[in-house]
N, C-alpha and C. Protein backbone atom coordinates (compact mmCIF):
# COMPACT_ATOMS: atom_id res chain seq x y z
N MET A 1 12.35 -18.45 -0.48
CA MET A 1 11.18 -17.84 -0.93
C MET A 1 10.24 -19.02 -1.73
N LYS A 2 8.79 -18.99 -1.56
CA LYS A 2 8.07 -19.83 -2.23
C LYS A 2 7.03 -19.07 -2.98
N LYS A 3 6.89 -19.00 -4.13
CA LYS A 3 5.96 -18.39 -5.15
C LYS A 3 4.68 -18.89 -4.79
N ILE A 4 3.47 -17.96 -4.58
CA ILE A 4 2.13 -18.33 -4.34
C ILE A 4 1.39 -17.81 -5.47
N ILE A 5 1.57 -16.73 -6.02
CA ILE A 5 0.87 -16.24 -7.17
C ILE A 5 1.81 -15.86 -8.33
N ALA A 6 1.50 -16.52 -9.45
CA ALA A 6 2.53 -16.33 -10.76
C ALA A 6 1.93 -15.44 -11.61
N PHE A 7 0.78 -14.86 -11.44
CA PHE A 7 0.29 -14.02 -12.50
C PHE A 7 0.17 -12.59 -12.01
N GLU A 8 -0.11 -11.53 -12.83
CA GLU A 8 -0.19 -10.24 -12.58
C GLU A 8 -1.41 -9.94 -11.72
N ILE A 9 -1.36 -9.17 -10.74
CA ILE A 9 -2.43 -8.93 -10.01
C ILE A 9 -2.67 -7.16 -9.74
N VAL A 10 -3.69 -6.93 -9.48
CA VAL A 10 -4.08 -5.48 -9.44
C VAL A 10 -3.82 -4.91 -8.11
N ASP A 11 -4.14 -5.67 -6.76
CA ASP A 11 -3.90 -5.23 -5.58
C ASP A 11 -3.85 -6.50 -4.57
N ILE A 12 -3.18 -6.23 -3.52
CA ILE A 12 -3.08 -7.31 -2.60
C ILE A 12 -3.05 -6.71 -1.16
N ILE A 13 -3.94 -7.27 -0.32
CA ILE A 13 -3.91 -6.65 1.09
C ILE A 13 -4.15 -7.83 1.99
N PRO A 14 -3.80 -7.66 3.30
CA PRO A 14 -3.74 -8.80 4.40
C PRO A 14 -5.11 -8.99 4.89
N PHE A 15 -5.57 -10.16 5.35
CA PHE A 15 -6.74 -10.42 5.93
C PHE A 15 -6.44 -11.53 7.11
N SER A 16 -7.35 -12.07 7.74
CA SER A 16 -7.40 -12.87 8.94
C SER A 16 -6.70 -14.15 8.58
N CYS A 17 -6.72 -14.78 7.37
CA CYS A 17 -6.35 -16.00 7.03
C CYS A 17 -4.97 -15.98 6.15
N GLY A 18 -4.77 -14.80 5.79
CA GLY A 18 -3.52 -14.72 4.93
C GLY A 18 -3.52 -13.39 4.05
N ILE A 19 -3.95 -13.39 2.69
CA ILE A 19 -3.88 -12.27 2.00
C ILE A 19 -5.14 -12.53 0.98
N ILE A 20 -5.65 -11.14 0.59
CA ILE A 20 -6.58 -11.11 -0.36
C ILE A 20 -6.05 -10.33 -1.78
N PHE A 21 -6.16 -10.96 -2.82
CA PHE A 21 -5.74 -10.31 -4.06
C PHE A 21 -6.83 -9.94 -5.07
N SER A 22 -6.72 -9.16 -5.94
CA SER A 22 -7.45 -8.99 -7.05
C SER A 22 -6.88 -9.17 -8.37
N LYS A 23 -7.46 -9.81 -9.30
CA LYS A 23 -6.91 -10.03 -10.57
C LYS A 23 -7.92 -9.92 -11.76
N LYS A 24 -7.37 -9.11 -12.93
CA LYS A 24 -8.10 -8.79 -13.97
C LYS A 24 -8.04 -10.02 -15.04
N GLU A 25 -9.34 -10.43 -15.38
CA GLU A 25 -9.55 -11.53 -16.34
C GLU A 25 -10.29 -11.14 -17.56
N MET A 26 -9.70 -11.47 -18.71
CA MET A 26 -10.19 -11.04 -19.90
C MET A 26 -11.62 -11.83 -20.37
N ILE A 27 -12.57 -11.20 -20.53
CA ILE A 27 -13.87 -11.94 -20.95
C ILE A 27 -13.90 -12.01 -22.49
N ASN A 28 -13.49 -11.08 -23.15
CA ASN A 28 -13.23 -11.18 -24.60
C ASN A 28 -12.19 -9.98 -25.07
N GLN A 29 -12.04 -9.69 -26.33
CA GLN A 29 -11.01 -8.89 -26.71
C GLN A 29 -11.19 -7.52 -26.14
N GLU A 30 -12.42 -7.29 -25.82
CA GLU A 30 -12.71 -5.64 -25.37
C GLU A 30 -13.07 -5.47 -24.00
N LYS A 31 -13.58 -6.67 -23.47
CA LYS A 31 -14.07 -6.57 -21.87
C LYS A 31 -13.18 -7.29 -21.01
N CYS A 32 -13.25 -6.86 -19.69
CA CYS A 32 -12.46 -7.79 -18.66
C CYS A 32 -13.38 -7.62 -17.30
N LYS A 33 -13.16 -8.60 -16.42
CA LYS A 33 -13.74 -8.45 -15.18
C LYS A 33 -12.55 -8.50 -14.09
N VAL A 34 -12.94 -8.22 -13.05
CA VAL A 34 -12.09 -8.25 -11.87
C VAL A 34 -12.48 -9.49 -10.83
N SER A 35 -11.71 -10.27 -10.58
CA SER A 35 -12.13 -11.41 -9.61
C SER A 35 -11.17 -11.17 -8.43
N PHE A 36 -11.75 -11.76 -7.39
CA PHE A 36 -11.14 -11.56 -6.04
C PHE A 36 -10.98 -13.09 -5.32
N TYR A 37 -9.50 -13.06 -4.71
CA TYR A 37 -9.15 -14.53 -4.13
C TYR A 37 -8.57 -14.20 -2.80
N GLY A 38 -8.74 -15.03 -2.03
CA GLY A 38 -8.12 -15.07 -0.71
C GLY A 38 -7.19 -16.37 -0.83
N PHE A 39 -5.95 -15.96 -0.28
CA PHE A 39 -4.85 -17.02 -0.20
C PHE A 39 -4.71 -17.44 1.27
N ASP A 40 -4.96 -18.65 1.57
CA ASP A 40 -4.87 -18.99 3.16
C ASP A 40 -3.48 -19.76 3.38
N ILE A 41 -2.82 -19.03 4.13
CA ILE A 41 -1.39 -19.33 4.45
C ILE A 41 -1.22 -20.53 5.12
N LYS A 42 -2.17 -21.08 5.98
CA LYS A 42 -2.09 -22.24 6.63
C LYS A 42 -2.26 -23.38 5.69
N ARG A 43 -3.35 -23.14 5.05
CA ARG A 43 -3.61 -24.35 3.91
C ARG A 43 -2.92 -24.24 2.70
N PHE A 44 -2.34 -23.14 2.49
CA PHE A 44 -1.72 -22.70 1.29
C PHE A 44 -2.19 -23.00 0.13
N ARG A 45 -3.47 -22.36 -0.12
CA ARG A 45 -4.24 -22.35 -1.18
C ARG A 45 -5.15 -21.23 -1.47
N ASN A 46 -5.54 -21.01 -2.71
CA ASN A 46 -6.43 -19.92 -3.04
C ASN A 46 -7.93 -20.42 -3.09
N ALA A 47 -8.66 -19.43 -2.68
CA ALA A 47 -10.18 -19.66 -2.86
C ALA A 47 -10.72 -18.40 -3.05
N PRO A 48 -11.97 -18.30 -4.05
CA PRO A 48 -12.56 -17.00 -4.44
C PRO A 48 -13.09 -16.42 -3.20
N VAL A 49 -13.16 -15.11 -3.16
CA VAL A 49 -13.81 -14.26 -2.12
C VAL A 49 -14.67 -13.32 -2.72
N THR A 50 -15.75 -12.64 -2.04
CA THR A 50 -16.48 -11.80 -2.59
C THR A 50 -15.78 -10.25 -2.68
N ARG A 51 -16.38 -9.51 -3.57
CA ARG A 51 -15.90 -8.19 -3.52
C ARG A 51 -16.21 -7.47 -2.21
N SER A 52 -17.18 -7.75 -1.59
CA SER A 52 -17.43 -7.04 -0.35
C SER A 52 -16.33 -7.52 0.78
N VAL A 53 -16.03 -8.79 0.74
CA VAL A 53 -14.97 -9.09 1.80
C VAL A 53 -13.65 -8.20 1.45
N TYR A 54 -13.33 -8.21 0.11
CA TYR A 54 -12.05 -7.53 -0.17
C TYR A 54 -12.28 -5.92 0.33
N MET A 55 -13.35 -5.27 0.11
CA MET A 55 -13.53 -3.92 0.27
C MET A 55 -13.53 -3.77 1.86
N LEU A 56 -14.26 -4.62 2.51
CA LEU A 56 -14.21 -4.59 4.14
C LEU A 56 -12.81 -4.66 4.77
N ASN A 57 -11.84 -5.51 4.19
CA ASN A 57 -10.60 -5.68 4.77
C ASN A 57 -9.87 -4.48 4.38
N LYS A 58 -10.09 -3.86 3.20
CA LYS A 58 -9.30 -2.72 2.74
C LYS A 58 -9.73 -1.33 3.32
N PHE A 59 -11.01 -1.30 3.51
CA PHE A 59 -11.50 0.11 3.89
C PHE A 59 -12.14 0.08 5.40
N GLY A 60 -12.26 -0.88 5.92
CA GLY A 60 -13.04 -0.99 7.20
C GLY A 60 -14.53 -0.93 7.00
N ASN A 61 -15.21 -0.81 8.20
CA ASN A 61 -16.59 -1.05 8.28
C ASN A 61 -17.47 0.01 7.36
N GLY A 62 -16.94 1.13 7.01
CA GLY A 62 -17.69 2.05 6.40
C GLY A 62 -17.38 2.05 4.86
N TYR A 63 -16.98 0.81 4.40
CA TYR A 63 -16.46 0.65 3.04
C TYR A 63 -17.50 0.87 1.90
N LYS A 64 -18.89 0.60 2.27
CA LYS A 64 -19.82 1.00 1.27
C LYS A 64 -19.98 2.33 0.75
N ARG A 65 -19.96 3.20 1.94
CA ARG A 65 -20.08 4.65 1.52
C ARG A 65 -18.77 5.09 1.04
N ILE A 66 -17.63 4.55 1.34
CA ILE A 66 -16.45 4.99 0.92
C ILE A 66 -16.30 4.68 -0.69
N VAL A 67 -16.65 3.60 -0.94
CA VAL A 67 -16.68 3.27 -2.35
C VAL A 67 -17.59 3.98 -3.24
N ASP A 68 -18.92 4.29 -2.65
CA ASP A 68 -19.70 4.99 -3.39
C ASP A 68 -19.06 6.52 -3.68
N GLU A 69 -18.30 6.91 -2.77
CA GLU A 69 -17.71 8.22 -2.75
C GLU A 69 -16.53 8.30 -3.90
N ILE A 70 -15.66 7.20 -3.83
CA ILE A 70 -14.48 7.26 -4.59
C ILE A 70 -14.52 6.67 -5.93
N GLY A 71 -15.50 5.74 -6.07
CA GLY A 71 -15.69 4.90 -7.41
C GLY A 71 -14.49 3.96 -7.51
N ASP A 72 -13.38 4.30 -7.88
CA ASP A 72 -12.40 3.51 -8.02
C ASP A 72 -11.53 2.99 -6.81
N TYR A 73 -12.01 1.74 -6.46
CA TYR A 73 -11.70 1.29 -5.11
C TYR A 73 -10.45 0.32 -5.33
N LEU A 74 -9.91 0.08 -6.46
CA LEU A 74 -8.97 -0.88 -6.78
C LEU A 74 -7.48 -0.14 -6.73
N ASN A 75 -7.44 1.04 -7.31
CA ASN A 75 -6.09 1.57 -7.81
C ASN A 75 -5.70 2.47 -6.53
N CYS A 76 -6.20 2.41 -5.32
CA CYS A 76 -5.63 3.33 -4.20
C CYS A 76 -5.17 2.52 -3.34
N ASP A 77 -4.11 3.05 -2.31
CA ASP A 77 -3.97 2.41 -1.14
C ASP A 77 -4.67 2.76 0.09
N ALA A 78 -4.86 2.12 1.09
CA ALA A 78 -5.55 2.53 2.31
C ALA A 78 -5.05 2.06 3.56
N ASP A 79 -5.15 2.69 4.74
CA ASP A 79 -4.77 2.42 5.80
C ASP A 79 -5.69 2.99 6.87
N ALA A 80 -5.65 2.34 8.09
CA ALA A 80 -6.47 2.89 9.20
C ALA A 80 -5.94 4.18 9.80
N PHE A 81 -6.54 5.07 10.05
CA PHE A 81 -6.00 6.30 10.45
C PHE A 81 -6.68 7.05 11.64
N CYS A 82 -5.86 7.31 12.60
CA CYS A 82 -6.43 8.06 13.92
C CYS A 82 -7.85 7.27 14.38
N GLY A 83 -7.57 6.11 14.81
CA GLY A 83 -8.61 5.35 15.36
C GLY A 83 -9.43 4.57 14.39
N ASN A 84 -10.75 5.04 14.31
CA ASN A 84 -11.65 4.51 13.21
C ASN A 84 -11.78 5.03 11.86
N ASN A 85 -10.85 5.93 11.58
CA ASN A 85 -10.81 6.60 10.37
C ASN A 85 -10.12 5.81 9.43
N THR A 86 -10.44 6.18 7.98
CA THR A 86 -9.53 5.38 7.03
C THR A 86 -8.94 6.61 6.12
N VAL A 87 -7.71 6.35 5.76
CA VAL A 87 -6.95 7.37 4.89
C VAL A 87 -6.88 6.57 3.56
N ILE A 88 -7.10 7.09 2.23
CA ILE A 88 -6.61 6.52 0.99
C ILE A 88 -5.75 7.40 0.16
N VAL A 89 -4.91 6.96 -0.61
CA VAL A 89 -4.15 7.65 -1.63
C VAL A 89 -4.12 6.91 -2.83
N TYR A 90 -4.29 7.90 -4.00
CA TYR A 90 -4.09 7.27 -5.22
C TYR A 90 -2.70 7.61 -5.81
N PRO A 91 -2.22 7.01 -6.96
CA PRO A 91 -0.98 7.14 -7.32
C PRO A 91 -0.97 8.59 -8.02
N THR A 92 -2.05 9.34 -8.36
CA THR A 92 -1.99 10.74 -8.78
C THR A 92 -1.66 11.70 -7.56
N GLY A 93 -1.74 11.18 -6.51
CA GLY A 93 -1.64 12.07 -5.24
C GLY A 93 -2.90 12.46 -4.59
N GLU A 94 -4.09 12.15 -5.17
CA GLU A 94 -5.34 12.41 -4.56
C GLU A 94 -5.67 11.58 -3.38
N THR A 95 -5.89 12.35 -2.22
CA THR A 95 -6.02 11.85 -0.96
C THR A 95 -7.26 12.03 -0.20
N GLY A 96 -7.71 11.24 0.46
CA GLY A 96 -8.97 11.32 1.26
C GLY A 96 -8.90 10.63 2.56
N VAL A 97 -9.63 11.22 3.68
CA VAL A 97 -9.82 10.63 4.82
C VAL A 97 -11.40 10.45 5.16
N PHE A 98 -11.66 9.30 5.58
CA PHE A 98 -13.14 9.08 5.88
C PHE A 98 -13.28 8.47 7.30
N ASP A 99 -14.44 8.94 7.91
CA ASP A 99 -14.66 8.39 9.27
C ASP A 99 -15.16 6.91 9.28
N PHE A 100 -15.43 6.62 10.50
CA PHE A 100 -15.98 5.16 10.61
C PHE A 100 -17.14 4.56 9.93
N GLU A 101 -17.98 5.68 9.77
CA GLU A 101 -19.12 5.36 8.81
C GLU A 101 -18.90 5.47 7.27
N GLY A 102 -17.80 5.78 7.08
CA GLY A 102 -17.38 5.97 5.53
C GLY A 102 -17.69 7.48 4.96
N LYS A 103 -17.91 8.33 5.92
CA LYS A 103 -18.14 9.71 5.46
C LYS A 103 -16.74 10.48 5.25
N SER A 104 -16.76 11.11 4.16
CA SER A 104 -15.49 12.01 3.69
C SER A 104 -15.47 13.10 4.64
N ILE A 105 -14.32 13.23 5.35
CA ILE A 105 -14.26 14.30 6.24
C ILE A 105 -13.00 15.19 5.82
N TRP A 106 -12.09 14.82 4.71
CA TRP A 106 -11.03 15.69 4.16
C TRP A 106 -10.64 14.94 2.83
N SER A 107 -10.34 15.90 1.91
CA SER A 107 -9.67 15.25 0.65
C SER A 107 -8.75 16.39 0.17
N GLY A 108 -7.89 16.19 -0.69
CA GLY A 108 -6.89 17.04 -1.43
C GLY A 108 -5.97 16.32 -2.10
N ASP A 109 -5.34 17.03 -2.97
CA ASP A 109 -4.18 16.47 -3.79
C ASP A 109 -2.74 16.67 -3.27
N LEU A 110 -2.02 15.79 -2.91
CA LEU A 110 -0.81 15.84 -2.34
C LEU A 110 0.36 15.74 -3.38
N LEU A 111 0.96 16.84 -3.57
CA LEU A 111 2.13 16.93 -4.49
C LEU A 111 3.45 17.33 -3.72
N TYR A 112 4.51 16.83 -3.96
CA TYR A 112 5.71 17.28 -3.35
C TYR A 112 6.65 17.67 -4.31
N HIS A 113 6.96 19.15 -4.31
CA HIS A 113 7.70 19.72 -5.23
C HIS A 113 7.19 19.31 -6.71
N GLY A 114 5.87 19.29 -6.92
CA GLY A 114 5.18 19.19 -8.24
C GLY A 114 5.06 17.54 -8.51
N CYS A 115 5.55 16.89 -7.74
CA CYS A 115 5.36 15.18 -7.84
C CYS A 115 4.33 14.64 -7.05
N PRO A 116 3.60 13.76 -7.56
CA PRO A 116 2.46 13.18 -6.73
C PRO A 116 3.00 12.13 -5.75
N VAL A 117 2.42 12.19 -4.49
CA VAL A 117 2.84 11.09 -3.51
C VAL A 117 2.05 9.73 -3.99
N GLN A 118 2.62 8.72 -3.37
CA GLN A 118 1.74 7.33 -3.54
C GLN A 118 1.97 6.58 -2.36
N ASP A 119 1.08 5.62 -2.34
CA ASP A 119 0.78 4.69 -1.12
C ASP A 119 0.79 5.58 0.25
N VAL A 120 0.41 4.68 1.21
CA VAL A 120 0.12 5.36 2.62
C VAL A 120 0.45 4.47 3.68
N ALA A 121 1.04 4.94 4.76
CA ALA A 121 1.15 4.38 6.10
C ALA A 121 0.85 5.37 6.97
N ALA A 122 -0.15 5.00 7.89
CA ALA A 122 -0.69 6.05 8.91
C ALA A 122 0.41 5.98 10.18
N ASP A 123 0.81 7.06 10.79
CA ASP A 123 1.78 7.02 11.83
C ASP A 123 1.23 8.37 12.83
N GLY A 124 0.44 7.88 13.70
CA GLY A 124 -0.31 8.69 14.67
C GLY A 124 -1.23 9.47 13.96
N ASN A 125 -1.07 11.00 13.93
CA ASN A 125 -1.87 11.80 13.42
C ASN A 125 -1.32 12.37 12.01
N GLN A 126 -0.27 11.73 11.62
CA GLN A 126 0.40 11.92 10.29
C GLN A 126 0.30 10.72 9.43
N ILE A 127 0.56 10.89 8.14
CA ILE A 127 0.74 9.82 7.22
C ILE A 127 2.26 9.91 6.52
N TRP A 128 2.73 8.78 5.93
CA TRP A 128 3.86 8.61 5.31
C TRP A 128 3.42 8.20 3.88
N CYS A 129 4.19 8.76 2.91
CA CYS A 129 3.90 8.38 1.54
C CYS A 129 5.29 8.46 0.85
N THR A 130 5.14 7.56 -0.37
CA THR A 130 6.34 7.64 -1.18
C THR A 130 6.36 8.79 -2.24
N VAL A 131 7.45 9.19 -2.67
CA VAL A 131 7.27 10.15 -3.68
C VAL A 131 8.38 9.64 -4.70
N PRO A 132 7.92 8.58 -5.63
CA PRO A 132 8.92 7.85 -6.51
C PRO A 132 9.84 8.78 -7.29
N GLU A 133 9.16 9.93 -7.94
CA GLU A 133 10.11 10.79 -8.74
C GLU A 133 11.09 11.46 -8.08
N GLN A 134 10.98 11.69 -6.84
CA GLN A 134 11.86 12.48 -5.80
C GLN A 134 12.84 11.36 -5.23
N ASN A 135 12.67 10.07 -5.44
CA ASN A 135 13.44 9.05 -4.73
C ASN A 135 13.40 9.41 -3.07
N ALA A 136 12.14 9.69 -2.70
CA ALA A 136 11.97 10.07 -1.30
C ALA A 136 10.78 9.34 -0.48
N ILE A 137 10.62 9.65 0.68
CA ILE A 137 9.26 9.51 1.27
C ILE A 137 9.11 10.73 2.11
N ILE A 138 7.79 10.99 2.40
CA ILE A 138 7.52 12.21 3.27
C ILE A 138 6.38 11.92 4.16
N SER A 139 6.48 12.85 5.36
CA SER A 139 5.37 12.66 6.24
C SER A 139 4.39 13.96 6.14
N TYR A 140 3.26 13.73 6.37
CA TYR A 140 2.33 14.88 6.08
C TYR A 140 1.29 14.94 7.22
N SER A 141 1.05 16.04 7.83
CA SER A 141 -0.10 16.23 8.80
C SER A 141 -1.26 16.56 8.06
N ILE A 142 -2.26 15.89 8.28
CA ILE A 142 -3.56 16.25 7.42
C ILE A 142 -4.09 17.45 8.35
N ALA A 143 -4.14 17.47 9.50
CA ALA A 143 -4.73 18.42 10.50
C ALA A 143 -4.02 19.87 10.38
N HIS A 144 -2.82 19.84 10.14
CA HIS A 144 -2.23 21.13 9.94
C HIS A 144 -1.86 21.38 8.26
N LYS A 145 -2.18 20.49 7.39
CA LYS A 145 -2.03 20.56 6.05
C LYS A 145 -0.73 21.09 5.59
N LYS A 146 0.34 20.34 6.15
CA LYS A 146 1.69 20.61 5.74
C LYS A 146 2.54 19.27 5.80
N PHE A 147 3.67 19.48 4.88
CA PHE A 147 4.69 18.30 5.15
C PHE A 147 5.56 18.58 6.16
N TYR A 148 5.94 17.52 6.99
CA TYR A 148 6.66 17.60 8.11
C TYR A 148 8.17 17.25 7.83
N MET A 149 8.29 16.21 7.13
CA MET A 149 9.75 15.42 7.18
C MET A 149 9.78 14.85 5.64
N ARG A 150 10.95 15.00 5.09
CA ARG A 150 11.53 14.26 4.06
C ARG A 150 12.67 13.38 4.09
N ILE A 151 12.75 12.17 3.81
CA ILE A 151 13.76 11.25 3.92
C ILE A 151 14.01 10.69 2.53
N GLY A 152 15.36 10.93 2.20
CA GLY A 152 15.78 10.76 0.94
C GLY A 152 15.82 11.98 0.00
N GLY A 153 15.84 11.75 -1.41
CA GLY A 153 15.77 13.01 -2.23
C GLY A 153 16.40 12.54 -3.60
N GLU A 154 16.24 13.51 -4.55
CA GLU A 154 16.77 13.24 -5.95
C GLU A 154 18.36 12.94 -5.85
N ASN A 155 19.12 13.46 -5.06
CA ASN A 155 20.52 13.16 -4.93
C ASN A 155 20.87 12.34 -3.90
N SER A 156 20.07 11.64 -3.27
CA SER A 156 20.31 10.73 -2.02
C SER A 156 20.25 9.39 -2.60
N THR A 157 20.91 8.59 -1.94
CA THR A 157 20.96 7.03 -2.30
C THR A 157 20.00 6.39 -1.25
N ALA A 158 19.53 7.09 -0.40
CA ALA A 158 18.45 6.24 0.74
C ALA A 158 17.53 5.48 -0.01
N PHE A 159 16.95 5.93 -1.12
CA PHE A 159 15.69 5.27 -1.80
C PHE A 159 15.90 5.33 -3.30
N SER A 160 15.45 4.29 -3.98
CA SER A 160 15.49 4.49 -5.55
C SER A 160 14.10 3.91 -6.09
N ASN A 161 13.35 4.98 -6.49
CA ASN A 161 11.99 4.94 -7.07
C ASN A 161 11.28 4.05 -6.06
N PRO A 162 11.00 4.51 -4.82
CA PRO A 162 10.23 3.80 -3.80
C PRO A 162 8.70 3.92 -4.26
N THR A 163 8.21 2.69 -4.24
CA THR A 163 6.62 2.73 -4.92
C THR A 163 5.68 2.41 -3.58
N ALA A 164 6.18 1.84 -2.59
CA ALA A 164 5.19 1.49 -1.50
C ALA A 164 5.93 1.51 -0.08
N LEU A 165 5.16 1.68 0.79
CA LEU A 165 5.62 1.51 2.33
C LEU A 165 4.69 1.07 3.31
N VAL A 166 5.01 0.34 4.29
CA VAL A 166 4.10 -0.12 5.44
C VAL A 166 4.84 0.12 6.74
N LYS A 167 4.07 0.33 7.71
CA LYS A 167 4.47 0.61 8.99
C LYS A 167 4.34 -0.62 9.86
N TYR A 168 5.27 -1.20 10.62
CA TYR A 168 5.24 -2.19 11.57
C TYR A 168 5.93 -1.84 12.83
N GLY A 169 5.35 -1.55 13.95
CA GLY A 169 6.06 -1.29 15.21
C GLY A 169 6.57 0.06 14.87
N ASN A 170 7.70 0.28 15.30
CA ASN A 170 8.37 1.54 15.16
C ASN A 170 9.26 1.82 13.80
N GLU A 171 8.84 0.92 12.73
CA GLU A 171 9.77 1.08 11.56
C GLU A 171 8.68 1.14 10.31
N LEU A 172 9.20 1.94 9.33
CA LEU A 172 8.73 1.83 8.16
C LEU A 172 9.46 0.92 7.11
N PHE A 173 8.80 -0.03 6.40
CA PHE A 173 9.48 -0.83 5.40
C PHE A 173 9.08 -0.24 3.98
N VAL A 174 10.17 0.18 3.29
CA VAL A 174 9.97 0.92 2.04
C VAL A 174 10.33 0.02 0.86
N CYS A 175 9.50 -0.08 -0.12
CA CYS A 175 9.85 -0.99 -1.19
C CYS A 175 10.37 -0.16 -2.21
N ASN A 176 11.54 -0.55 -2.71
CA ASN A 176 12.22 0.22 -3.98
C ASN A 176 12.29 -0.53 -5.22
N ALA A 177 11.64 0.05 -6.22
CA ALA A 177 11.67 -0.65 -7.51
C ALA A 177 13.05 -0.41 -8.05
N GLY A 178 13.75 0.59 -8.01
CA GLY A 178 15.06 0.93 -8.56
C GLY A 178 16.13 0.17 -8.10
N SER A 179 16.39 -0.13 -6.77
CA SER A 179 17.43 -0.72 -6.21
C SER A 179 17.12 -2.29 -5.86
N CYS A 180 15.78 -2.64 -6.04
CA CYS A 180 15.27 -3.92 -5.69
C CYS A 180 15.50 -4.49 -4.39
N LYS A 181 15.26 -3.32 -3.49
CA LYS A 181 15.53 -3.59 -1.96
C LYS A 181 14.20 -3.11 -1.26
N ILE A 182 14.13 -3.81 -0.11
CA ILE A 182 13.39 -3.27 0.92
C ILE A 182 14.14 -2.47 2.02
N ARG A 183 14.09 -1.28 2.22
CA ARG A 183 14.95 -0.58 3.39
C ARG A 183 13.82 -0.11 4.61
N THR A 184 14.42 -0.27 5.63
CA THR A 184 13.82 0.10 6.92
C THR A 184 14.08 1.61 7.20
N VAL A 185 13.11 2.45 7.82
CA VAL A 185 13.22 3.58 8.54
C VAL A 185 13.01 3.39 9.93
N ASN A 186 13.86 3.67 10.77
CA ASN A 186 13.50 3.73 12.24
C ASN A 186 12.92 5.03 12.54
N LEU A 187 11.70 4.95 13.11
CA LEU A 187 10.93 6.26 13.35
C LEU A 187 11.46 6.93 14.63
N LYS A 188 12.33 6.40 15.36
CA LYS A 188 12.80 7.02 16.69
C LYS A 188 14.11 7.85 16.24
N ASP A 189 14.99 7.43 15.37
CA ASP A 189 15.97 8.21 15.02
C ASP A 189 16.10 8.49 13.55
N TYR A 190 15.17 7.96 12.66
CA TYR A 190 15.10 8.12 11.28
C TYR A 190 16.16 7.61 10.47
N SER A 191 17.03 6.63 10.98
CA SER A 191 18.12 5.98 10.29
C SER A 191 17.55 5.03 9.26
N VAL A 192 18.20 4.82 8.34
CA VAL A 192 17.64 4.17 7.03
C VAL A 192 18.76 2.82 6.99
N GLN A 193 18.13 1.59 6.90
CA GLN A 193 19.00 0.44 6.77
C GLN A 193 18.38 -0.55 5.66
N ASP A 194 19.22 -1.35 5.19
CA ASP A 194 18.79 -2.43 4.34
C ASP A 194 18.05 -3.38 5.10
N PHE A 195 17.00 -4.07 4.35
CA PHE A 195 16.25 -5.25 5.19
C PHE A 195 16.35 -6.36 4.24
N ARG A 196 15.97 -6.23 3.08
CA ARG A 196 15.91 -7.42 2.18
C ARG A 196 16.30 -7.08 0.79
N THR A 197 17.04 -7.69 0.16
CA THR A 197 17.39 -7.46 -1.42
C THR A 197 17.01 -8.61 -2.27
N PHE A 198 16.42 -8.14 -3.42
CA PHE A 198 15.86 -9.06 -4.46
C PHE A 198 16.67 -8.95 -5.71
N ASP A 199 16.28 -9.83 -6.66
CA ASP A 199 16.94 -9.70 -7.96
C ASP A 199 16.15 -8.96 -9.03
N GLU A 200 15.02 -8.48 -8.63
CA GLU A 200 14.22 -7.58 -9.39
C GLU A 200 13.26 -6.63 -8.53
N PRO A 201 12.65 -5.69 -9.34
CA PRO A 201 11.96 -4.58 -8.58
C PRO A 201 10.92 -5.23 -7.55
N VAL A 202 11.03 -4.80 -6.42
CA VAL A 202 9.99 -5.12 -5.21
C VAL A 202 8.91 -4.06 -5.17
N ARG A 203 7.73 -4.40 -5.35
CA ARG A 203 6.61 -3.63 -5.42
C ARG A 203 5.89 -3.50 -4.17
N ARG A 204 5.71 -4.51 -3.30
CA ARG A 204 4.85 -4.32 -1.98
C ARG A 204 5.41 -5.46 -1.07
N TYR A 205 5.27 -5.05 0.24
CA TYR A 205 5.70 -5.96 1.24
C TYR A 205 4.69 -5.83 2.35
N LEU A 206 4.31 -7.01 2.93
CA LEU A 206 3.25 -7.07 3.83
C LEU A 206 3.41 -8.37 4.76
N ARG A 207 2.90 -8.30 6.07
CA ARG A 207 3.00 -9.34 6.97
C ARG A 207 1.56 -9.81 7.26
N SER A 208 1.22 -11.18 7.36
CA SER A 208 0.00 -11.65 7.72
C SER A 208 0.12 -12.98 8.31
N CYS A 209 -0.41 -13.41 9.21
CA CYS A 209 -0.46 -14.76 9.92
C CYS A 209 1.05 -15.05 10.28
N GLY A 210 1.78 -14.23 10.67
CA GLY A 210 3.19 -14.67 11.09
C GLY A 210 4.07 -14.78 9.97
N LYS A 211 3.64 -14.48 8.71
CA LYS A 211 4.54 -14.70 7.35
C LYS A 211 4.53 -13.26 6.90
N GLU A 212 5.82 -13.32 6.24
CA GLU A 212 6.19 -12.22 5.39
C GLU A 212 6.00 -12.38 4.02
N ILE A 213 5.29 -11.57 3.15
CA ILE A 213 4.81 -11.67 1.75
C ILE A 213 5.33 -10.56 0.99
N VAL A 214 5.87 -10.78 -0.15
CA VAL A 214 6.48 -9.73 -0.98
C VAL A 214 6.15 -9.85 -2.50
N GLN A 215 5.55 -8.88 -3.08
CA GLN A 215 5.25 -8.74 -4.51
C GLN A 215 6.39 -8.33 -5.37
N LEU A 216 6.88 -9.11 -6.14
CA LEU A 216 7.95 -8.58 -7.22
C LEU A 216 7.37 -8.73 -8.46
N ASP A 217 8.28 -8.46 -9.61
CA ASP A 217 7.52 -8.39 -10.97
C ASP A 217 7.13 -9.68 -11.38
N SER A 218 7.89 -10.79 -10.84
CA SER A 218 7.60 -12.07 -11.42
C SER A 218 6.49 -12.77 -10.53
N GLY A 219 5.94 -12.15 -9.57
CA GLY A 219 4.87 -12.80 -8.91
C GLY A 219 4.82 -12.43 -7.34
N VAL A 220 4.08 -13.15 -6.50
CA VAL A 220 4.02 -12.89 -5.06
C VAL A 220 4.61 -14.16 -4.28
N TYR A 221 5.47 -13.82 -3.24
CA TYR A 221 6.14 -15.00 -2.70
C TYR A 221 5.84 -14.81 -1.23
N VAL A 222 5.97 -15.99 -0.46
CA VAL A 222 6.18 -15.95 0.92
C VAL A 222 7.58 -16.25 1.25
N LEU A 223 8.17 -15.30 2.20
CA LEU A 223 9.51 -15.36 2.46
C LEU A 223 9.84 -16.32 3.47
């Protein structure tokens, strides 16, 4: 592993040259600002990017209208959903779907057994989210407004405080802060396997430009 970011970040997303991340910077004792940077994987260096570039890569072409609607564009996760739509999920379970122009077409609070869902990975006409308090991940159909499947649970060892997930191909990659592991879920038979193990909590995993990138408590690394 090679560390590419050594300080605390607010968010991290992929883009064409690598990743974009947001960082809070203190102006004085009472005020702070958020700055945005792109990390170019081929050149292996950071460079400032605009807020608009960050929002475009996170929410798609309708980002202006989406941001006007949601306000807090930093603390949610987002994914492309059912073609040109965008789905977002906040750590509180607040969830929304927006069309390609950024118009809101559905919103609601997703709670599983009273616990908020977090993060989001679109899978056809359903979404997968983590439920950290339940040590589980769940699938939810927005069209039918119901949960379809749960993997893991309070008494299961499948996941341990899963905080983020992402879908590549026919697999989900689930980041576990409790066990310090990334585990995969095969979406054909729903089997769960170890993928990578670390010495500290793993917060996020993504791929960009043919590289694997992981966010740990100590920083962001290229694997």
